[in-house]
Structures are given as C-alpha cells and as structure tokens.
N, C-alpha and C. Protein backbone atom coordinates (compact mmCIF):
# COMPACT_ATOMS: atom_id res chain seq x y z
N MET A 1 22.72 -18.74 -26.02
CA MET A 1 22.30 -17.91 -24.92
C MET A 1 21.03 -17.15 -25.30
N ALA A 2 20.03 -17.22 -24.58
CA ALA A 2 18.74 -16.40 -24.86
C ALA A 2 18.88 -15.05 -24.87
N GLU A 3 18.22 -14.37 -25.62
CA GLU A 3 18.29 -12.85 -25.72
C GLU A 3 17.75 -12.30 -24.41
N GLU A 4 18.29 -11.26 -23.80
CA GLU A 4 17.73 -10.59 -22.70
C GLU A 4 16.48 -9.81 -22.90
N THR A 5 15.44 -10.01 -22.18
CA THR A 5 14.27 -9.34 -22.45
C THR A 5 14.26 -7.89 -21.93
N THR A 6 13.33 -6.97 -22.38
CA THR A 6 13.26 -5.69 -21.75
C THR A 6 13.22 -5.62 -20.38
N VAL A 7 12.37 -6.46 -19.82
CA VAL A 7 12.26 -6.41 -18.32
C VAL A 7 13.56 -6.91 -17.66
N GLU A 8 14.16 -7.93 -18.01
CA GLU A 8 15.56 -8.32 -17.63
C GLU A 8 16.63 -7.22 -17.66
N LYS A 9 16.69 -6.60 -18.91
CA LYS A 9 17.57 -5.51 -19.09
C LYS A 9 17.26 -4.41 -18.22
N THR A 10 15.98 -3.95 -18.03
CA THR A 10 15.81 -2.86 -17.20
C THR A 10 16.21 -3.14 -15.74
N TRP A 11 15.88 -4.23 -15.16
CA TRP A 11 16.28 -4.58 -13.79
C TRP A 11 17.79 -4.57 -13.84
N ARG A 12 18.68 -5.24 -14.75
CA ARG A 12 20.06 -5.21 -14.80
C ARG A 12 20.54 -3.78 -14.78
N LEU A 13 19.97 -2.98 -15.63
CA LEU A 13 20.67 -1.57 -15.84
C LEU A 13 20.23 -0.83 -14.49
N MET A 14 19.25 -0.98 -13.87
CA MET A 14 19.05 -0.34 -12.54
C MET A 14 20.07 -0.67 -11.45
N PHE A 15 20.39 -2.12 -11.44
CA PHE A 15 21.38 -2.49 -10.50
C PHE A 15 22.82 -1.98 -10.91
N GLU A 16 23.16 -1.71 -12.18
CA GLU A 16 24.42 -1.27 -12.55
C GLU A 16 24.47 0.18 -12.50
N GLY A 17 23.39 0.83 -12.22
CA GLY A 17 23.45 2.34 -12.00
C GLY A 17 23.57 3.11 -13.39
N ASP A 18 23.13 2.44 -14.39
CA ASP A 18 23.17 3.03 -15.76
C ASP A 18 22.37 4.15 -15.87
N PRO A 19 23.02 5.40 -16.39
CA PRO A 19 22.19 6.76 -16.34
C PRO A 19 21.02 6.65 -17.34
N THR A 20 20.79 5.61 -18.24
CA THR A 20 19.80 5.61 -19.13
C THR A 20 18.51 5.07 -18.51
N VAL A 21 18.56 4.50 -17.44
CA VAL A 21 17.34 4.08 -16.77
C VAL A 21 17.09 4.75 -15.47
N ARG A 22 15.85 4.85 -15.09
CA ARG A 22 15.54 5.46 -13.64
C ARG A 22 16.05 4.49 -12.59
N ARG A 23 16.51 5.01 -11.46
CA ARG A 23 16.98 4.30 -10.29
C ARG A 23 16.19 4.83 -9.20
N GLY A 24 15.73 3.99 -8.34
CA GLY A 24 15.14 4.17 -7.14
C GLY A 24 15.97 3.75 -5.92
N ASP A 25 15.30 3.66 -4.79
CA ASP A 25 16.03 3.16 -3.56
C ASP A 25 16.54 1.77 -3.78
N GLN A 26 17.76 1.64 -3.66
CA GLN A 26 18.43 0.43 -3.90
C GLN A 26 17.97 -0.73 -3.10
N ALA A 27 17.71 -0.47 -1.75
CA ALA A 27 17.19 -1.49 -1.01
C ALA A 27 15.79 -2.00 -1.32
N VAL A 28 14.93 -1.16 -1.68
CA VAL A 28 13.62 -1.42 -2.32
C VAL A 28 13.81 -2.36 -3.60
N THR A 29 14.65 -1.76 -4.46
CA THR A 29 14.77 -2.53 -5.72
C THR A 29 15.49 -3.87 -5.53
N GLU A 30 16.32 -4.05 -4.57
CA GLU A 30 16.84 -5.36 -4.34
C GLU A 30 15.72 -6.33 -3.73
N ALA A 31 14.93 -5.84 -2.75
CA ALA A 31 13.88 -6.72 -2.28
C ALA A 31 12.91 -6.88 -3.28
N ALA A 32 12.44 -5.99 -4.12
CA ALA A 32 11.57 -6.45 -5.30
C ALA A 32 12.04 -7.43 -6.06
N TYR A 33 13.28 -7.28 -6.57
CA TYR A 33 13.90 -8.31 -7.35
C TYR A 33 13.97 -9.63 -6.79
N ALA A 34 14.15 -9.75 -5.49
CA ALA A 34 14.28 -11.07 -4.90
C ALA A 34 12.98 -11.87 -4.95
N GLU A 35 11.85 -11.08 -5.21
CA GLU A 35 10.46 -11.76 -5.45
C GLU A 35 10.33 -12.11 -6.76
N PRO A 36 10.25 -13.37 -7.21
CA PRO A 36 10.11 -13.85 -8.61
C PRO A 36 8.99 -13.26 -9.33
N ARG A 37 7.81 -13.00 -8.64
CA ARG A 37 6.75 -12.48 -9.37
C ARG A 37 6.86 -10.97 -9.70
N LEU A 38 7.55 -10.35 -8.89
CA LEU A 38 7.82 -8.79 -9.18
C LEU A 38 9.02 -8.78 -10.19
N ARG A 39 10.05 -9.57 -10.12
CA ARG A 39 11.11 -9.55 -10.99
C ARG A 39 10.67 -9.87 -12.49
N ALA A 40 9.31 -10.42 -12.69
CA ALA A 40 8.87 -10.68 -14.00
C ALA A 40 8.13 -9.52 -14.57
N LEU A 41 7.90 -8.44 -13.72
CA LEU A 41 7.10 -7.23 -14.03
C LEU A 41 8.31 -6.11 -14.47
N PHE A 42 7.67 -5.03 -15.08
CA PHE A 42 8.56 -3.96 -15.54
C PHE A 42 8.53 -3.04 -14.36
N PRO A 43 9.74 -2.81 -13.82
CA PRO A 43 9.92 -1.79 -12.72
C PRO A 43 9.93 -0.45 -13.14
N PHE A 44 9.38 0.53 -12.42
CA PHE A 44 9.45 1.97 -12.84
C PHE A 44 9.59 2.70 -11.64
N PRO A 45 10.77 3.16 -11.18
CA PRO A 45 10.95 3.98 -10.06
C PRO A 45 10.65 5.44 -10.42
N SER A 46 9.83 6.15 -9.54
CA SER A 46 9.59 7.49 -9.83
C SER A 46 9.05 8.20 -8.51
N HIS A 47 9.50 9.31 -8.34
CA HIS A 47 8.98 10.19 -7.11
C HIS A 47 8.91 9.31 -5.90
N GLY A 48 10.03 8.60 -5.42
CA GLY A 48 9.99 8.01 -4.20
C GLY A 48 9.22 6.75 -4.26
N CYS A 49 8.61 6.31 -5.35
CA CYS A 49 7.94 5.03 -5.47
C CYS A 49 8.60 4.06 -6.29
N LEU A 50 8.26 2.73 -6.16
CA LEU A 50 8.74 1.71 -7.10
C LEU A 50 7.32 1.09 -7.60
N THR A 51 6.97 1.32 -8.78
CA THR A 51 5.80 0.80 -9.44
C THR A 51 6.11 -0.37 -10.25
N PHE A 52 5.14 -1.24 -10.53
CA PHE A 52 5.40 -2.34 -11.30
C PHE A 52 4.22 -2.48 -12.53
N HIS A 53 4.65 -2.85 -13.62
CA HIS A 53 3.81 -2.75 -14.75
C HIS A 53 3.71 -4.10 -15.47
N ARG A 54 2.59 -4.35 -16.09
CA ARG A 54 2.42 -5.62 -16.98
C ARG A 54 2.92 -5.44 -18.36
N ASN A 55 3.59 -4.21 -18.62
CA ASN A 55 4.01 -3.91 -19.99
C ASN A 55 5.21 -3.14 -19.86
N THR A 56 5.89 -2.89 -20.98
CA THR A 56 7.22 -2.22 -20.96
C THR A 56 7.27 -0.75 -21.58
N GLN A 57 6.11 -0.44 -22.16
CA GLN A 57 6.15 0.97 -22.75
C GLN A 57 4.82 1.75 -22.38
N PHE A 58 5.10 3.04 -22.32
CA PHE A 58 3.93 3.93 -22.09
C PHE A 58 2.83 3.82 -23.23
N PRO A 59 1.58 3.80 -22.86
CA PRO A 59 1.03 4.09 -21.44
C PRO A 59 1.16 2.74 -20.50
N TRP A 60 1.52 2.85 -19.28
CA TRP A 60 1.68 1.83 -18.36
C TRP A 60 0.40 1.23 -17.90
N SER A 61 0.40 -0.02 -17.40
CA SER A 61 -0.82 -0.69 -16.97
C SER A 61 -1.49 0.00 -15.81
N ASN A 62 -0.67 0.51 -14.90
CA ASN A 62 -1.04 1.18 -13.68
C ASN A 62 -2.12 0.40 -12.86
N ASP A 63 -2.14 -0.78 -12.92
CA ASP A 63 -3.22 -1.58 -12.19
C ASP A 63 -2.63 -2.49 -11.21
N LEU A 64 -1.38 -2.20 -10.74
CA LEU A 64 -0.77 -3.01 -9.69
C LEU A 64 -0.49 -2.34 -8.59
N PRO A 65 -0.31 -3.01 -7.24
CA PRO A 65 0.13 -2.38 -6.18
C PRO A 65 1.55 -1.82 -6.26
N PHE A 66 2.04 -0.97 -5.56
CA PHE A 66 3.47 -0.39 -5.54
C PHE A 66 3.82 0.07 -4.06
N ILE A 67 5.22 0.22 -4.06
CA ILE A 67 5.82 0.46 -2.69
C ILE A 67 6.20 2.21 -2.96
N ALA A 68 6.03 2.84 -1.62
CA ALA A 68 6.42 4.31 -1.63
C ALA A 68 7.04 4.60 -0.31
N GLY A 69 8.07 5.52 -0.50
CA GLY A 69 8.63 6.07 0.60
C GLY A 69 9.77 5.08 1.12
N SER A 70 10.19 5.39 2.41
CA SER A 70 11.09 4.56 3.07
C SER A 70 10.58 4.39 4.61
N ALA A 71 11.34 3.55 5.34
CA ALA A 71 10.87 2.92 6.56
C ALA A 71 9.96 3.95 7.46
N PRO A 72 8.83 3.84 7.65
CA PRO A 72 8.15 2.51 7.15
C PRO A 72 7.67 2.73 5.83
N TYR A 73 7.67 1.73 5.01
CA TYR A 73 7.29 1.88 3.59
C TYR A 73 5.87 1.55 3.50
N THR A 74 5.23 2.36 2.60
CA THR A 74 3.76 2.23 2.45
C THR A 74 3.49 1.56 1.18
N VAL A 75 2.72 0.49 1.26
CA VAL A 75 2.11 -0.14 -0.01
C VAL A 75 0.87 0.31 -0.34
N TYR A 76 0.75 0.90 -1.63
CA TYR A 76 -0.54 1.44 -2.19
C TYR A 76 -1.12 0.51 -3.06
N ALA A 77 -2.40 0.57 -3.04
CA ALA A 77 -3.23 -0.12 -4.23
C ALA A 77 -3.00 0.80 -5.44
N PRO A 78 -3.35 0.17 -6.70
CA PRO A 78 -3.10 0.90 -7.87
C PRO A 78 -3.62 2.33 -7.84
N LEU A 79 -2.85 3.27 -8.51
CA LEU A 79 -3.20 4.62 -8.51
C LEU A 79 -3.55 5.30 -7.23
N TYR A 80 -2.92 4.88 -6.20
CA TYR A 80 -3.14 5.49 -4.84
C TYR A 80 -4.53 5.43 -4.44
N SER A 81 -5.27 4.44 -4.84
CA SER A 81 -6.71 4.16 -4.58
C SER A 81 -6.95 3.72 -2.99
N GLY A 82 -5.96 3.33 -2.41
CA GLY A 82 -6.05 2.94 -1.01
C GLY A 82 -4.53 2.39 -0.54
N VAL A 83 -4.41 2.38 0.89
CA VAL A 83 -3.33 1.90 1.37
C VAL A 83 -3.61 0.40 1.80
N LEU A 84 -2.68 -0.44 1.38
CA LEU A 84 -2.62 -1.84 1.52
C LEU A 84 -1.99 -2.21 2.85
N GLY A 85 -1.04 -1.46 3.25
CA GLY A 85 -0.29 -1.64 4.48
C GLY A 85 1.08 -0.91 4.59
N GLU A 86 1.64 -0.95 5.72
CA GLU A 86 2.95 -0.46 5.85
C GLU A 86 3.87 -1.66 6.42
N ALA A 87 5.18 -1.30 6.00
CA ALA A 87 6.20 -2.37 6.22
C ALA A 87 7.41 -1.70 6.85
N LEU A 88 7.98 -2.24 7.74
CA LEU A 88 9.20 -1.68 8.32
C LEU A 88 10.61 -2.02 7.50
N THR A 89 10.44 -3.04 6.68
CA THR A 89 11.53 -3.32 5.79
C THR A 89 11.24 -3.36 4.27
N PRO A 90 12.09 -3.17 3.45
CA PRO A 90 11.79 -3.23 2.04
C PRO A 90 11.31 -4.66 1.68
N GLN A 91 11.81 -5.80 2.31
CA GLN A 91 11.41 -7.09 2.00
C GLN A 91 10.00 -7.40 2.40
N GLU A 92 9.56 -6.72 3.54
CA GLU A 92 8.14 -6.85 3.91
C GLU A 92 7.12 -6.16 2.94
N ALA A 93 7.69 -5.01 2.49
CA ALA A 93 6.82 -4.26 1.40
C ALA A 93 6.79 -5.02 0.21
N ALA A 94 7.82 -5.60 -0.25
CA ALA A 94 7.78 -6.38 -1.56
C ALA A 94 6.82 -7.52 -1.40
N ALA A 95 6.90 -8.22 -0.19
CA ALA A 95 5.98 -9.49 0.01
C ALA A 95 4.47 -8.92 0.07
N LEU A 96 4.26 -7.74 0.49
CA LEU A 96 2.97 -7.29 0.64
C LEU A 96 2.50 -6.99 -0.80
N VAL A 97 3.30 -6.43 -1.59
CA VAL A 97 2.92 -6.19 -3.01
C VAL A 97 2.52 -7.58 -3.63
N VAL A 98 3.37 -8.47 -3.54
CA VAL A 98 3.18 -9.91 -4.03
C VAL A 98 1.87 -10.38 -3.58
N ALA A 99 1.57 -10.38 -2.29
CA ALA A 99 0.33 -10.73 -1.73
C ALA A 99 -0.93 -10.25 -2.34
N HIS A 100 -0.79 -8.90 -2.92
CA HIS A 100 -1.94 -8.26 -3.44
C HIS A 100 -2.00 -8.28 -5.01
N LEU A 101 -1.03 -9.13 -5.66
CA LEU A 101 -0.93 -9.00 -7.15
C LEU A 101 -2.19 -9.86 -7.61
N PRO A 102 -2.75 -9.59 -8.81
CA PRO A 102 -3.88 -10.36 -9.26
C PRO A 102 -3.38 -11.89 -9.62
N PRO A 103 -4.16 -12.88 -9.51
CA PRO A 103 -3.60 -14.16 -9.76
C PRO A 103 -3.02 -14.31 -11.24
N ASP A 104 -3.61 -13.63 -12.20
CA ASP A 104 -3.36 -13.86 -13.60
C ASP A 104 -2.13 -12.80 -13.96
N CYS A 105 -1.47 -12.26 -12.98
CA CYS A 105 -0.30 -11.26 -13.18
C CYS A 105 0.89 -11.94 -13.68
N GLY A 106 1.01 -12.25 -15.05
CA GLY A 106 2.15 -12.95 -15.37
C GLY A 106 3.26 -12.09 -15.93
N PRO A 107 4.21 -12.53 -16.57
CA PRO A 107 5.45 -11.73 -17.09
C PRO A 107 4.83 -10.57 -17.87
N ALA A 108 5.53 -9.47 -17.68
CA ALA A 108 5.34 -8.27 -18.59
C ALA A 108 5.41 -8.51 -20.11
N PHE A 109 4.66 -7.85 -20.83
CA PHE A 109 4.91 -8.12 -22.37
C PHE A 109 5.50 -6.75 -22.82
N ASP A 110 6.16 -6.97 -23.96
CA ASP A 110 6.69 -5.76 -24.62
C ASP A 110 5.67 -5.06 -25.38
N GLY A 111 5.70 -3.58 -25.06
CA GLY A 111 4.57 -2.88 -25.74
C GLY A 111 3.80 -2.03 -24.73
N PRO A 112 2.79 -1.18 -25.35
CA PRO A 112 2.14 -0.28 -24.48
C PRO A 112 0.83 -0.99 -23.99
N TRP A 113 0.19 -0.43 -23.00
CA TRP A 113 -1.11 -1.00 -22.40
C TRP A 113 -2.16 -0.35 -23.32
N PRO A 114 -3.31 -1.15 -23.54
CA PRO A 114 -3.65 -2.43 -23.13
C PRO A 114 -2.92 -3.43 -23.93
N PRO A 115 -3.01 -4.74 -23.58
CA PRO A 115 -2.54 -5.80 -24.29
C PRO A 115 -3.07 -5.92 -25.72
N PRO A 116 -2.15 -6.24 -26.57
CA PRO A 116 -2.75 -6.59 -27.97
C PRO A 116 -3.87 -7.36 -28.04
N GLY A 117 -4.92 -7.07 -28.75
CA GLY A 117 -6.19 -8.04 -28.81
C GLY A 117 -7.05 -7.99 -27.73
N SER A 118 -6.88 -7.36 -26.73
CA SER A 118 -7.58 -7.13 -25.50
C SER A 118 -8.74 -6.09 -25.61
N HIS A 119 -9.63 -6.29 -24.77
CA HIS A 119 -10.70 -5.18 -24.66
C HIS A 119 -10.59 -4.35 -23.42
N ILE A 120 -9.34 -4.42 -22.79
CA ILE A 120 -9.08 -3.62 -21.54
C ILE A 120 -8.77 -2.27 -21.88
N GLY A 121 -8.92 -1.36 -21.16
CA GLY A 121 -8.45 0.08 -21.23
C GLY A 121 -9.48 0.98 -21.21
C-alpha cells in the first residue's frame, strides 16, 4: 500500500474532524474534494475561506483562486485581487475555482513556497 501524502492526510483529517487540522465549512470541503484538481492541492480553511496551495508548508503559494463565505459563495482571485464570481452552491463554487486554475497547476509538493530550484517568489 502506498504511503499517504501530506495532501491526502490533510483532506482525510479534515473529514474526520481531527483537532490537529483546520476545518472549514463541511459542504465546501466536500464539494472541493469532489473536484480531482482541487483534491490534489493542499487545502487550508481559515477565516471563512477555503484556500488551495501548490505546497504543504508555510510560506504558502497564495497564487490560486479560493472560496469565501456561504451561499452565495464568493470565489476570489489570489490574494483577494478580484472577484471571479459568485455561486449559490458549494459545488458551483468549486467548479468556478477549477475553471480559473492555471493549466500547470499540478499536485501540491511537500515543502515551502517557492518550489525547490525555481526562480519564483
């Protein structure tokens, strides 16, 4: 059996209600998890938002859209730089995030941002 990744473990602990991880709105978490591209990213619920990151340790990438609030859910561009849209359901909000992910947004890597060997940051 393959070892669980940090991302997989974080999602699992969120669903289990483990006190060692942050937990956000359960419906938003479930809708995001149902989207394969979001499930591959590191989830970070905080202050009524569910953010997604390309890495698993601080400092975070902070370069991806995220979901805020409750119905209507607002999907923001990275760092609140704009509103990408509003959605009536968590599923619509998750789909809107996916629609605005960069094409090269693959699975999150373990470690801090920027990626090792990159010139990003």
